[in-house]
Amino acid sequence: MAKKTKEELERDIQSRIDKEMEKRDRAAAEAPQKTSALKEIFDWVAVIVIAVLVSFVLHTFVIVNATVPTSSMENTIMAGDRVIGSRLYYTRHDPERGDIIMFDYPDDPSILYIKRVIGLPGDHIEITGGVVYLNGEPLDEPYLNVVTEGEWGPYDVPPGCYFMMGDNRNDSADSRYWQNTYLTRDGIVGKAVLKYWRGFERF
């Protein structure tokens, strides 16, 4: 094999140096792109994680969001309406007669119910002649569009408990029919404040 001349050796060395420099330059140019892509992925993951955490905190401690599957609260709340309730409201207030409340169904706490407060702790309730009597006086119920059927009571609401009924009085599985007749305070999930399916409406 013929020996390379000095010039040929120098050209070979320079060629190798040029290739190595080109390789390093290419790697340096690609590095910021990889770093930028990784940063963008990390930013998106961080946004998703924060959104999930915020949603979890809101739904666990601040609001309750539910779809009403039945007609038991018509015409105030129609079947299929979506309702938002405040989990914090009753940390500062006591339930009042007429409030619409979202609560754990006393006979099966895994089911969320929504009804109206009719009887407060200590109230005497009786239903007769299509009228709800509260402590001996007819209860004014402007939200009803039906006459209450059947005779019920008398009921005495225990301390710390509430007597609940639906506005669609004759098609409502409420306190009149539960095995555990009364809703206890610790079963309350929140106060219904807004429905938002067929337009927005505050309660």
N, C-alpha and C. Protein backbone atom coordinates (compact mmCIF):
# COMPACT_ATOMS: atom_id res chain seq x y z
N MET A 1 0.85 -1.20 0.00
CA MET A 1 0.00 0.00 0.00
C MET A 1 0.88 1.24 0.00
N ALA A 2 0.60 2.14 -0.88
CA ALA A 2 1.42 3.34 -1.00
C ALA A 2 1.19 4.24 0.19
N LYS A 3 2.24 4.77 0.68
CA LYS A 3 2.14 5.70 1.81
C LYS A 3 1.51 7.00 1.35
N LYS A 4 0.68 7.56 2.26
CA LYS A 4 0.04 8.83 1.95
C LYS A 4 1.05 9.94 2.09
N THR A 5 0.90 10.89 1.25
CA THR A 5 1.78 12.03 1.33
C THR A 5 1.40 12.88 2.52
N LYS A 6 2.26 13.80 2.86
CA LYS A 6 1.99 14.69 3.99
C LYS A 6 0.72 15.49 3.76
N GLU A 7 0.51 15.93 2.51
CA GLU A 7 -0.68 16.73 2.20
C GLU A 7 -1.95 15.90 2.37
N GLU A 8 -1.87 14.61 1.93
CA GLU A 8 -3.03 13.74 2.06
C GLU A 8 -3.38 13.47 3.53
N LEU A 9 -2.36 13.27 4.32
CA LEU A 9 -2.58 13.04 5.75
C LEU A 9 -3.23 14.27 6.40
N GLU A 10 -2.72 15.43 6.02
CA GLU A 10 -3.28 16.65 6.58
C GLU A 10 -4.74 16.82 6.18
N ARG A 11 -5.06 16.47 4.88
CA ARG A 11 -6.44 16.57 4.43
C ARG A 11 -7.34 15.61 5.20
N ASP A 12 -6.82 14.37 5.45
CA ASP A 12 -7.61 13.38 6.20
C ASP A 12 -7.89 13.87 7.62
N ILE A 13 -6.87 14.41 8.26
CA ILE A 13 -7.03 14.91 9.63
C ILE A 13 -8.02 16.06 9.67
N GLN A 14 -7.89 16.98 8.69
CA GLN A 14 -8.80 18.13 8.66
C GLN A 14 -10.24 17.70 8.40
N SER A 15 -10.39 16.66 7.53
CA SER A 15 -11.73 16.16 7.23
C SER A 15 -12.38 15.57 8.48
N ARG A 16 -11.58 14.82 9.24
CA ARG A 16 -12.12 14.24 10.48
C ARG A 16 -12.49 15.32 11.48
N ILE A 17 -11.62 16.34 11.55
CA ILE A 17 -11.91 17.45 12.47
C ILE A 17 -13.20 18.15 12.05
N ASP A 18 -13.35 18.38 10.71
CA ASP A 18 -14.56 19.06 10.22
C ASP A 18 -15.80 18.24 10.52
N LYS A 19 -15.74 16.91 10.32
CA LYS A 19 -16.90 16.05 10.60
C LYS A 19 -17.27 16.08 12.07
N GLU A 20 -16.24 16.05 12.92
CA GLU A 20 -16.50 16.07 14.37
C GLU A 20 -17.13 17.40 14.79
N MET A 21 -16.61 18.49 14.21
CA MET A 21 -17.18 19.79 14.53
C MET A 21 -18.62 19.91 14.03
N GLU A 22 -18.88 19.37 12.83
CA GLU A 22 -20.24 19.39 12.29
C GLU A 22 -21.18 18.57 13.17
N LYS A 23 -20.69 17.42 13.65
CA LYS A 23 -21.50 16.57 14.53
C LYS A 23 -21.84 17.29 15.83
N ARG A 24 -20.86 17.98 16.40
CA ARG A 24 -21.10 18.72 17.64
C ARG A 24 -22.06 19.88 17.42
N ASP A 25 -21.90 20.59 16.29
CA ASP A 25 -22.79 21.71 16.00
C ASP A 25 -24.24 21.23 15.84
N ARG A 26 -24.41 20.07 15.16
CA ARG A 26 -25.75 19.53 14.96
C ARG A 26 -26.39 19.12 16.29
N ALA A 27 -25.60 18.51 17.17
CA ALA A 27 -26.10 18.10 18.49
C ALA A 27 -26.48 19.33 19.32
N ALA A 28 -25.66 20.39 19.22
CA ALA A 28 -25.95 21.61 19.97
C ALA A 28 -27.22 22.28 19.47
N ALA A 29 -27.46 22.18 18.14
CA ALA A 29 -28.66 22.80 17.57
C ALA A 29 -29.92 22.03 17.96
N GLU A 30 -29.81 20.71 18.08
CA GLU A 30 -30.97 19.89 18.42
C GLU A 30 -31.32 19.95 19.89
N ALA A 31 -30.35 20.21 20.75
CA ALA A 31 -30.57 20.19 22.20
C ALA A 31 -31.63 21.19 22.66
N PRO A 32 -31.61 22.47 22.20
CA PRO A 32 -32.65 23.40 22.64
C PRO A 32 -34.05 22.97 22.21
N GLN A 33 -34.16 22.34 21.00
CA GLN A 33 -35.46 21.89 20.54
C GLN A 33 -36.02 20.81 21.46
N LYS A 34 -35.15 19.86 21.87
CA LYS A 34 -35.59 18.81 22.79
C LYS A 34 -35.99 19.41 24.13
N THR A 35 -35.17 20.36 24.61
CA THR A 35 -35.47 21.01 25.88
C THR A 35 -36.79 21.76 25.81
N SER A 36 -37.01 22.46 24.69
CA SER A 36 -38.25 23.22 24.51
C SER A 36 -39.46 22.29 24.46
N ALA A 37 -39.34 21.16 23.77
CA ALA A 37 -40.45 20.21 23.68
C ALA A 37 -40.77 19.62 25.04
N LEU A 38 -39.72 19.26 25.78
CA LEU A 38 -39.93 18.70 27.13
C LEU A 38 -40.58 19.73 28.04
N LYS A 39 -40.17 20.99 27.92
CA LYS A 39 -40.75 22.04 28.74
C LYS A 39 -42.23 22.24 28.42
N GLU A 40 -42.57 22.19 27.12
CA GLU A 40 -43.98 22.35 26.72
C GLU A 40 -44.83 21.20 27.25
N ILE A 41 -44.29 19.97 27.17
CA ILE A 41 -45.02 18.80 27.70
C ILE A 41 -45.22 18.96 29.19
N PHE A 42 -44.18 19.37 29.91
CA PHE A 42 -44.27 19.56 31.35
C PHE A 42 -45.30 20.63 31.70
N ASP A 43 -45.31 21.72 30.94
CA ASP A 43 -46.28 22.79 31.19
C ASP A 43 -47.72 22.29 31.03
N TRP A 44 -47.97 21.50 29.99
CA TRP A 44 -49.32 20.96 29.77
C TRP A 44 -49.73 20.00 30.89
N VAL A 45 -48.78 19.15 31.30
CA VAL A 45 -49.07 18.22 32.40
C VAL A 45 -49.38 18.98 33.68
N ALA A 46 -48.62 20.05 33.94
CA ALA A 46 -48.85 20.86 35.14
C ALA A 46 -50.23 21.51 35.10
N VAL A 47 -50.63 22.03 33.93
CA VAL A 47 -51.96 22.65 33.80
C VAL A 47 -53.06 21.63 34.06
N ILE A 48 -52.91 20.43 33.49
CA ILE A 48 -53.93 19.38 33.67
C ILE A 48 -54.02 18.97 35.13
N VAL A 49 -52.87 18.77 35.78
CA VAL A 49 -52.86 18.37 37.19
C VAL A 49 -53.51 19.43 38.06
N ILE A 50 -53.19 20.70 37.82
CA ILE A 50 -53.78 21.79 38.61
C ILE A 50 -55.29 21.85 38.38
N ALA A 51 -55.73 21.69 37.13
CA ALA A 51 -57.17 21.72 36.83
C ALA A 51 -57.89 20.58 37.54
N VAL A 52 -57.29 19.39 37.55
CA VAL A 52 -57.91 18.24 38.23
C VAL A 52 -57.99 18.50 39.73
N LEU A 53 -56.93 19.05 40.31
CA LEU A 53 -56.92 19.33 41.75
C LEU A 53 -57.96 20.39 42.12
N VAL A 54 -58.04 21.45 41.30
CA VAL A 54 -59.03 22.51 41.56
C VAL A 54 -60.44 21.94 41.48
N SER A 55 -60.69 21.12 40.44
CA SER A 55 -62.01 20.51 40.27
C SER A 55 -62.34 19.61 41.46
N PHE A 56 -61.35 18.85 41.91
CA PHE A 56 -61.58 17.95 43.06
C PHE A 56 -61.92 18.74 44.31
N VAL A 57 -61.16 19.80 44.57
CA VAL A 57 -61.42 20.62 45.76
C VAL A 57 -62.79 21.27 45.68
N LEU A 58 -63.14 21.82 44.52
CA LEU A 58 -64.45 22.47 44.36
C LEU A 58 -65.59 21.49 44.60
N HIS A 59 -65.51 20.31 43.99
CA HIS A 59 -66.61 19.36 44.08
C HIS A 59 -66.65 18.64 45.43
N THR A 60 -65.53 18.62 46.13
CA THR A 60 -65.50 17.95 47.42
C THR A 60 -65.87 18.88 48.56
N PHE A 61 -65.48 20.14 48.46
CA PHE A 61 -65.63 21.04 49.59
C PHE A 61 -66.48 22.29 49.32
N VAL A 62 -66.75 22.62 48.08
CA VAL A 62 -67.40 23.90 47.78
C VAL A 62 -68.77 23.72 47.13
N ILE A 63 -68.85 22.96 46.06
CA ILE A 63 -70.12 22.83 45.34
C ILE A 63 -70.50 21.36 45.19
N VAL A 64 -71.79 21.15 44.94
CA VAL A 64 -72.28 19.83 44.55
C VAL A 64 -73.05 20.01 43.26
N ASN A 65 -72.76 19.18 42.28
CA ASN A 65 -73.35 19.30 40.95
C ASN A 65 -74.10 18.02 40.65
N ALA A 66 -75.37 18.12 40.31
CA ALA A 66 -76.18 16.91 40.10
C ALA A 66 -77.20 17.12 39.00
N THR A 67 -77.58 16.02 38.38
CA THR A 67 -78.68 16.00 37.42
C THR A 67 -79.89 15.36 38.10
N VAL A 68 -81.02 16.02 38.02
CA VAL A 68 -82.24 15.51 38.66
C VAL A 68 -82.91 14.52 37.71
N PRO A 69 -82.99 13.23 38.08
CA PRO A 69 -83.48 12.22 37.13
C PRO A 69 -84.99 12.04 37.11
N THR A 70 -85.70 12.55 38.11
CA THR A 70 -87.13 12.28 38.22
C THR A 70 -87.93 13.58 38.20
N SER A 71 -89.26 13.42 38.21
CA SER A 71 -90.16 14.58 38.17
C SER A 71 -90.63 15.01 39.56
N SER A 72 -89.98 14.55 40.61
CA SER A 72 -90.48 14.76 41.97
C SER A 72 -90.48 16.22 42.41
N MET A 73 -89.68 17.08 41.73
CA MET A 73 -89.63 18.49 42.12
C MET A 73 -90.26 19.41 41.07
N GLU A 74 -90.97 18.83 40.10
CA GLU A 74 -91.63 19.69 39.11
C GLU A 74 -92.77 20.47 39.76
N ASN A 75 -93.04 21.71 39.35
CA ASN A 75 -92.43 22.36 38.21
C ASN A 75 -91.24 23.26 38.58
N THR A 76 -90.80 23.19 39.81
CA THR A 76 -89.64 23.99 40.21
C THR A 76 -88.39 23.51 39.52
N ILE A 77 -88.18 22.20 39.55
CA ILE A 77 -87.04 21.58 38.88
C ILE A 77 -87.59 20.45 38.01
N MET A 78 -87.31 20.53 36.72
CA MET A 78 -87.84 19.54 35.80
C MET A 78 -86.90 18.34 35.71
N ALA A 79 -87.45 17.18 35.36
CA ALA A 79 -86.63 15.99 35.16
C ALA A 79 -85.57 16.29 34.10
N GLY A 80 -84.32 15.99 34.42
CA GLY A 80 -83.22 16.26 33.51
C GLY A 80 -82.51 17.56 33.77
N ASP A 81 -83.08 18.43 34.59
CA ASP A 81 -82.40 19.68 34.93
C ASP A 81 -81.10 19.39 35.70
N ARG A 82 -80.14 20.25 35.51
CA ARG A 82 -78.87 20.15 36.24
C ARG A 82 -78.84 21.23 37.31
N VAL A 83 -78.43 20.86 38.49
CA VAL A 83 -78.53 21.75 39.65
C VAL A 83 -77.17 21.85 40.34
N ILE A 84 -76.83 23.07 40.72
CA ILE A 84 -75.61 23.31 41.51
C ILE A 84 -76.02 23.70 42.92
N GLY A 85 -75.38 23.09 43.89
CA GLY A 85 -75.64 23.42 45.29
C GLY A 85 -74.37 23.89 45.99
N SER A 86 -74.56 24.63 47.05
CA SER A 86 -73.44 25.13 47.86
C SER A 86 -73.23 24.21 49.06
N ARG A 87 -72.04 23.61 49.15
CA ARG A 87 -71.71 22.78 50.29
C ARG A 87 -71.40 23.63 51.53
N LEU A 88 -71.09 24.90 51.32
CA LEU A 88 -70.66 25.76 52.43
C LEU A 88 -71.80 26.50 53.09
N TYR A 89 -72.96 26.59 52.41
CA TYR A 89 -74.03 27.46 52.90
C TYR A 89 -74.43 27.11 54.33
N TYR A 90 -74.62 25.83 54.61
CA TYR A 90 -75.11 25.44 55.92
C TYR A 90 -74.01 25.31 56.97
N THR A 91 -72.79 25.72 56.61
CA THR A 91 -71.78 25.89 57.65
C THR A 91 -71.97 27.22 58.37
N ARG A 92 -72.75 28.14 57.74
CA ARG A 92 -72.99 29.47 58.31
C ARG A 92 -74.45 29.74 58.61
N HIS A 93 -75.35 28.88 58.08
CA HIS A 93 -76.79 29.09 58.27
C HIS A 93 -77.46 27.79 58.66
N ASP A 94 -78.59 27.92 59.33
CA ASP A 94 -79.44 26.76 59.58
C ASP A 94 -80.43 26.61 58.42
N PRO A 95 -80.82 25.38 58.10
CA PRO A 95 -81.85 25.19 57.07
C PRO A 95 -83.14 25.91 57.47
N GLU A 96 -83.79 26.50 56.49
CA GLU A 96 -85.05 27.19 56.72
C GLU A 96 -86.16 26.50 55.94
N ARG A 97 -87.38 26.65 56.44
CA ARG A 97 -88.53 26.09 55.75
C ARG A 97 -88.62 26.69 54.34
N GLY A 98 -88.79 25.83 53.35
CA GLY A 98 -88.84 26.29 51.97
C GLY A 98 -87.53 26.13 51.22
N ASP A 99 -86.42 25.93 51.94
CA ASP A 99 -85.14 25.72 51.26
C ASP A 99 -85.20 24.43 50.43
N ILE A 100 -84.56 24.46 49.27
CA ILE A 100 -84.39 23.25 48.47
C ILE A 100 -83.00 22.70 48.78
N ILE A 101 -82.97 21.47 49.26
CA ILE A 101 -81.74 20.91 49.81
C ILE A 101 -81.33 19.65 49.04
N MET A 102 -80.03 19.50 48.83
CA MET A 102 -79.45 18.29 48.27
C MET A 102 -78.87 17.50 49.45
N PHE A 103 -79.23 16.21 49.51
CA PHE A 103 -78.85 15.44 50.70
C PHE A 103 -78.70 13.96 50.36
N ASP A 104 -78.05 13.25 51.27
CA ASP A 104 -77.92 11.80 51.14
C ASP A 104 -79.24 11.15 51.55
N TYR A 105 -79.80 10.34 50.67
CA TYR A 105 -81.06 9.67 50.92
C TYR A 105 -80.95 8.85 52.22
N PRO A 106 -81.78 9.14 53.22
CA PRO A 106 -81.63 8.49 54.53
C PRO A 106 -81.66 6.96 54.49
N ASP A 107 -82.41 6.37 53.55
CA ASP A 107 -82.48 4.91 53.47
C ASP A 107 -81.34 4.30 52.67
N ASP A 108 -80.61 5.12 51.92
CA ASP A 108 -79.45 4.66 51.15
C ASP A 108 -78.55 5.86 50.87
N PRO A 109 -77.61 6.16 51.77
CA PRO A 109 -76.79 7.37 51.65
C PRO A 109 -75.94 7.45 50.38
N SER A 110 -75.87 6.38 49.61
CA SER A 110 -75.11 6.44 48.36
C SER A 110 -75.87 7.19 47.27
N ILE A 111 -77.17 7.47 47.51
CA ILE A 111 -78.01 8.16 46.52
C ILE A 111 -78.23 9.60 46.95
N LEU A 112 -78.03 10.53 46.02
CA LEU A 112 -78.24 11.95 46.30
C LEU A 112 -79.68 12.33 45.96
N TYR A 113 -80.36 12.94 46.92
CA TYR A 113 -81.74 13.39 46.74
C TYR A 113 -81.80 14.90 46.75
N ILE A 114 -82.89 15.44 46.19
CA ILE A 114 -83.14 16.88 46.28
C ILE A 114 -84.63 17.08 46.55
N LYS A 115 -84.95 17.74 47.68
CA LYS A 115 -86.33 17.99 48.09
C LYS A 115 -86.38 19.35 48.78
N ARG A 116 -87.60 19.71 49.16
CA ARG A 116 -87.82 20.98 49.85
C ARG A 116 -88.04 20.74 51.35
N VAL A 117 -87.48 21.62 52.17
CA VAL A 117 -87.70 21.54 53.61
C VAL A 117 -89.14 21.98 53.93
N ILE A 118 -89.90 21.10 54.56
CA ILE A 118 -91.26 21.42 54.97
C ILE A 118 -91.34 21.58 56.49
N GLY A 119 -90.74 20.64 57.21
CA GLY A 119 -90.79 20.69 58.67
C GLY A 119 -89.42 20.88 59.28
N LEU A 120 -89.33 21.80 60.25
CA LEU A 120 -88.10 22.05 61.00
C LEU A 120 -88.13 21.28 62.31
N PRO A 121 -87.00 21.19 63.00
CA PRO A 121 -86.98 20.48 64.28
C PRO A 121 -88.07 20.99 65.23
N GLY A 122 -88.85 20.04 65.77
CA GLY A 122 -89.90 20.39 66.72
C GLY A 122 -91.25 20.68 66.10
N ASP A 123 -91.34 20.77 64.78
CA ASP A 123 -92.61 21.06 64.12
C ASP A 123 -93.57 19.87 64.23
N HIS A 124 -94.85 20.21 64.28
CA HIS A 124 -95.92 19.21 64.26
C HIS A 124 -96.58 19.29 62.89
N ILE A 125 -96.56 18.19 62.14
CA ILE A 125 -97.03 18.19 60.75
C ILE A 125 -98.15 17.18 60.58
N GLU A 126 -99.18 17.60 59.85
CA GLU A 126 -100.27 16.70 59.50
C GLU A 126 -100.79 17.08 58.12
N ILE A 127 -101.09 16.07 57.31
CA ILE A 127 -101.61 16.30 55.96
C ILE A 127 -103.02 15.73 55.93
N THR A 128 -103.98 16.59 55.64
CA THR A 128 -105.37 16.16 55.58
C THR A 128 -106.15 17.07 54.65
N GLY A 129 -107.08 16.49 53.90
CA GLY A 129 -107.91 17.29 53.00
C GLY A 129 -107.13 18.03 51.94
N GLY A 130 -105.99 17.47 51.53
CA GLY A 130 -105.19 18.10 50.49
C GLY A 130 -104.35 19.26 50.98
N VAL A 131 -104.26 19.45 52.29
CA VAL A 131 -103.52 20.58 52.86
C VAL A 131 -102.50 20.07 53.87
N VAL A 132 -101.31 20.68 53.85
CA VAL A 132 -100.31 20.40 54.86
C VAL A 132 -100.51 21.38 56.01
N TYR A 133 -100.71 20.84 57.20
CA TYR A 133 -100.87 21.68 58.39
C TYR A 133 -99.58 21.65 59.19
N LEU A 134 -99.11 22.85 59.49
CA LEU A 134 -97.87 23.00 60.24
C LEU A 134 -98.19 23.64 61.58
N ASN A 135 -97.98 22.88 62.64
CA ASN A 135 -98.29 23.36 63.98
C ASN A 135 -99.74 23.87 64.06
N GLY A 136 -100.64 23.14 63.38
CA GLY A 136 -102.07 23.45 63.43
C GLY A 136 -102.54 24.46 62.42
N GLU A 137 -101.63 25.06 61.64
CA GLU A 137 -102.00 26.08 60.66
C GLU A 137 -101.69 25.59 59.25
N PRO A 138 -102.59 25.92 58.28
CA PRO A 138 -102.31 25.53 56.89
C PRO A 138 -101.00 26.16 56.41
N LEU A 139 -100.19 25.36 55.73
CA LEU A 139 -98.91 25.84 55.22
C LEU A 139 -99.11 26.47 53.85
N ASP A 140 -98.64 27.71 53.70
CA ASP A 140 -98.72 28.40 52.41
C ASP A 140 -97.64 27.83 51.49
N GLU A 141 -98.05 27.23 50.36
CA GLU A 141 -97.11 26.59 49.46
C GLU A 141 -97.34 27.08 48.02
N PRO A 142 -96.89 28.29 47.71
CA PRO A 142 -97.13 28.85 46.37
C PRO A 142 -96.42 28.12 45.26
N TYR A 143 -95.44 27.27 45.59
CA TYR A 143 -94.66 26.54 44.59
C TYR A 143 -95.41 25.29 44.09
N LEU A 144 -96.54 24.93 44.71
CA LEU A 144 -97.28 23.74 44.29
C LEU A 144 -98.22 24.05 43.14
N ASN A 145 -98.39 23.07 42.25
CA ASN A 145 -99.42 23.19 41.22
C ASN A 145 -100.33 21.95 41.24
N VAL A 146 -100.27 21.19 42.34
CA VAL A 146 -101.14 20.02 42.53
C VAL A 146 -101.71 20.07 43.95
N VAL A 147 -102.79 19.33 44.14
CA VAL A 147 -103.36 19.18 45.47
C VAL A 147 -102.76 17.92 46.09
N THR A 148 -102.28 18.04 47.32
CA THR A 148 -101.64 16.91 47.98
C THR A 148 -102.67 15.83 48.30
N GLU A 149 -102.45 14.65 47.75
CA GLU A 149 -103.38 13.55 47.96
C GLU A 149 -103.01 12.77 49.23
N GLY A 150 -104.01 12.13 49.83
CA GLY A 150 -103.76 11.25 50.96
C GLY A 150 -103.77 11.96 52.29
N GLU A 151 -103.88 11.14 53.33
CA GLU A 151 -103.85 11.63 54.70
C GLU A 151 -102.57 11.13 55.36
N TRP A 152 -101.86 12.03 55.99
CA TRP A 152 -100.58 11.65 56.59
C TRP A 152 -100.45 12.29 57.96
N GLY A 153 -99.76 11.58 58.83
CA GLY A 153 -99.47 12.14 60.14
C GLY A 153 -100.50 11.76 61.18
N PRO A 154 -100.44 12.45 62.31
CA PRO A 154 -99.53 13.59 62.55
C PRO A 154 -98.07 13.15 62.75
N TYR A 155 -97.18 14.05 62.39
CA TYR A 155 -95.75 13.84 62.56
C TYR A 155 -95.21 14.89 63.52
N ASP A 156 -94.27 14.48 64.35
CA ASP A 156 -93.51 15.42 65.17
C ASP A 156 -92.05 15.29 64.77
N VAL A 157 -91.49 16.35 64.25
CA VAL A 157 -90.12 16.30 63.74
C VAL A 157 -89.15 16.32 64.93
N PRO A 158 -88.29 15.31 65.03
CA PRO A 158 -87.35 15.25 66.16
C PRO A 158 -86.32 16.38 66.12
N PRO A 159 -85.66 16.65 67.24
CA PRO A 159 -84.59 17.66 67.28
C PRO A 159 -83.49 17.31 66.28
N GLY A 160 -82.97 18.32 65.63
CA GLY A 160 -81.87 18.12 64.69
C GLY A 160 -82.27 17.45 63.39
N CYS A 161 -83.58 17.35 63.11
CA CYS A 161 -84.05 16.66 61.91
C CYS A 161 -84.99 17.55 61.10
N TYR A 162 -85.24 17.12 59.85
CA TYR A 162 -86.06 17.91 58.93
C TYR A 162 -87.00 16.98 58.16
N PHE A 163 -88.22 17.48 57.92
CA PHE A 163 -89.22 16.74 57.16
C PHE A 163 -89.21 17.28 55.74
N MET A 164 -88.95 16.40 54.76
CA MET A 164 -88.71 16.82 53.38
C MET A 164 -89.83 16.32 52.47
N MET A 165 -90.24 17.17 51.51
CA MET A 165 -91.23 16.76 50.52
C MET A 165 -90.86 17.35 49.16
N GLY A 166 -91.29 16.64 48.10
CA GLY A 166 -91.09 17.16 46.75
C GLY A 166 -92.22 18.09 46.35
N ASP A 167 -91.94 18.98 45.39
CA ASP A 167 -92.97 19.92 44.93
C ASP A 167 -94.03 19.22 44.09
N ASN A 168 -93.65 18.17 43.40
CA ASN A 168 -94.62 17.37 42.66
C ASN A 168 -95.19 16.35 43.66
N ARG A 169 -95.98 16.86 44.56
CA ARG A 169 -96.36 16.22 45.79
C ARG A 169 -96.88 14.79 45.64
N ASN A 170 -97.57 14.49 44.54
CA ASN A 170 -98.18 13.18 44.39
C ASN A 170 -97.32 12.20 43.59
N ASP A 171 -96.10 12.61 43.27
CA ASP A 171 -95.16 11.74 42.58
C ASP A 171 -93.77 11.97 43.14
N SER A 172 -93.68 11.91 44.46
CA SER A 172 -92.42 12.21 45.13
C SER A 172 -92.17 11.20 46.25
N ALA A 173 -91.05 10.50 46.16
CA ALA A 173 -90.64 9.58 47.23
C ALA A 173 -89.93 10.41 48.30
N ASP A 174 -90.68 10.91 49.27
CA ASP A 174 -90.11 11.82 50.26
C ASP A 174 -90.32 11.29 51.68
N SER A 175 -90.23 12.17 52.66
CA SER A 175 -90.28 11.75 54.06
C SER A 175 -91.49 10.90 54.40
N ARG A 176 -92.59 11.09 53.68
CA ARG A 176 -93.81 10.33 53.97
C ARG A 176 -93.62 8.83 53.73
N TYR A 177 -92.66 8.47 52.88
CA TYR A 177 -92.52 7.09 52.46
C TYR A 177 -91.20 6.44 52.88
N TRP A 178 -90.26 7.23 53.42
CA TRP A 178 -88.98 6.65 53.80
C TRP A 178 -89.11 5.79 55.04
N GLN A 179 -88.25 4.79 55.13
CA GLN A 179 -88.16 4.01 56.36
C GLN A 179 -87.60 4.89 57.48
N ASN A 180 -86.57 5.66 57.15
CA ASN A 180 -86.02 6.66 58.07
C ASN A 180 -86.68 7.99 57.72
N THR A 181 -87.76 8.29 58.41
CA THR A 181 -88.67 9.36 57.99
C THR A 181 -88.01 10.72 57.89
N TYR A 182 -87.05 11.01 58.75
CA TYR A 182 -86.54 12.37 58.84
C TYR A 182 -85.11 12.47 58.32
N LEU A 183 -84.80 13.62 57.76
CA LEU A 183 -83.44 13.93 57.33
C LEU A 183 -82.69 14.55 58.49
N THR A 184 -81.56 13.96 58.86
CA THR A 184 -80.74 14.53 59.93
C THR A 184 -79.82 15.61 59.36
N ARG A 185 -79.37 16.48 60.22
CA ARG A 185 -78.53 17.59 59.78
C ARG A 185 -77.25 17.10 59.11
N ASP A 186 -76.67 16.02 59.61
CA ASP A 186 -75.41 15.56 59.03
C ASP A 186 -75.60 14.88 57.67
N GLY A 187 -76.87 14.64 57.27
CA GLY A 187 -77.12 14.08 55.95
C GLY A 187 -77.22 15.13 54.86
N ILE A 188 -77.25 16.40 55.25
CA ILE A 188 -77.36 17.49 54.27
C ILE A 188 -76.04 17.67 53.53
N VAL A 189 -76.10 17.69 52.21
CA VAL A 189 -74.91 17.90 51.39
C VAL A 189 -74.74 19.36 51.02
N GLY A 190 -75.84 20.02 50.66
CA GLY A 190 -75.73 21.43 50.29
C GLY A 190 -77.09 22.03 49.97
N LYS A 191 -77.11 23.34 49.85
CA LYS A 191 -78.32 24.05 49.46
C LYS A 191 -78.32 24.27 47.95
N ALA A 192 -79.41 23.88 47.29
CA ALA A 192 -79.53 24.12 45.85
C ALA A 192 -79.63 25.62 45.60
N VAL A 193 -78.79 26.12 44.72
CA VAL A 193 -78.76 27.56 44.46
C VAL A 193 -79.02 27.92 43.01
N LEU A 194 -78.80 26.97 42.08
CA LEU A 194 -78.88 27.32 40.67
C LEU A 194 -79.21 26.08 39.83
N LYS A 195 -80.13 26.24 38.87
CA LYS A 195 -80.29 25.20 37.85
C LYS A 195 -79.88 25.81 36.52
N TYR A 196 -79.27 24.99 35.65
CA TYR A 196 -78.62 25.58 34.48
C TYR A 196 -78.76 24.76 33.20
N TRP A 197 -79.77 23.92 33.10
CA TRP A 197 -79.91 23.13 31.88
C TRP A 197 -80.78 23.86 30.85
N ARG A 198 -82.02 24.16 31.21
CA ARG A 198 -82.90 24.91 30.29
C ARG A 198 -82.85 26.40 30.68
N GLY A 199 -81.67 26.96 30.57
CA GLY A 199 -81.47 28.33 31.02
C GLY A 199 -81.04 28.34 32.48
N PHE A 200 -80.57 29.48 32.92
CA PHE A 200 -80.10 29.63 34.30
C PHE A 200 -81.18 30.23 35.16
N GLU A 201 -81.35 29.66 36.36
CA GLU A 201 -82.37 30.18 37.28
C GLU A 201 -81.92 29.92 38.71
N ARG A 202 -81.91 31.00 39.50
CA ARG A 202 -81.56 30.87 40.91
C ARG A 202 -82.80 30.47 41.71
N PHE A 203 -82.56 29.74 42.79
CA PHE A 203 -83.66 29.35 43.67
C PHE A 203 -83.82 30.38 44.78
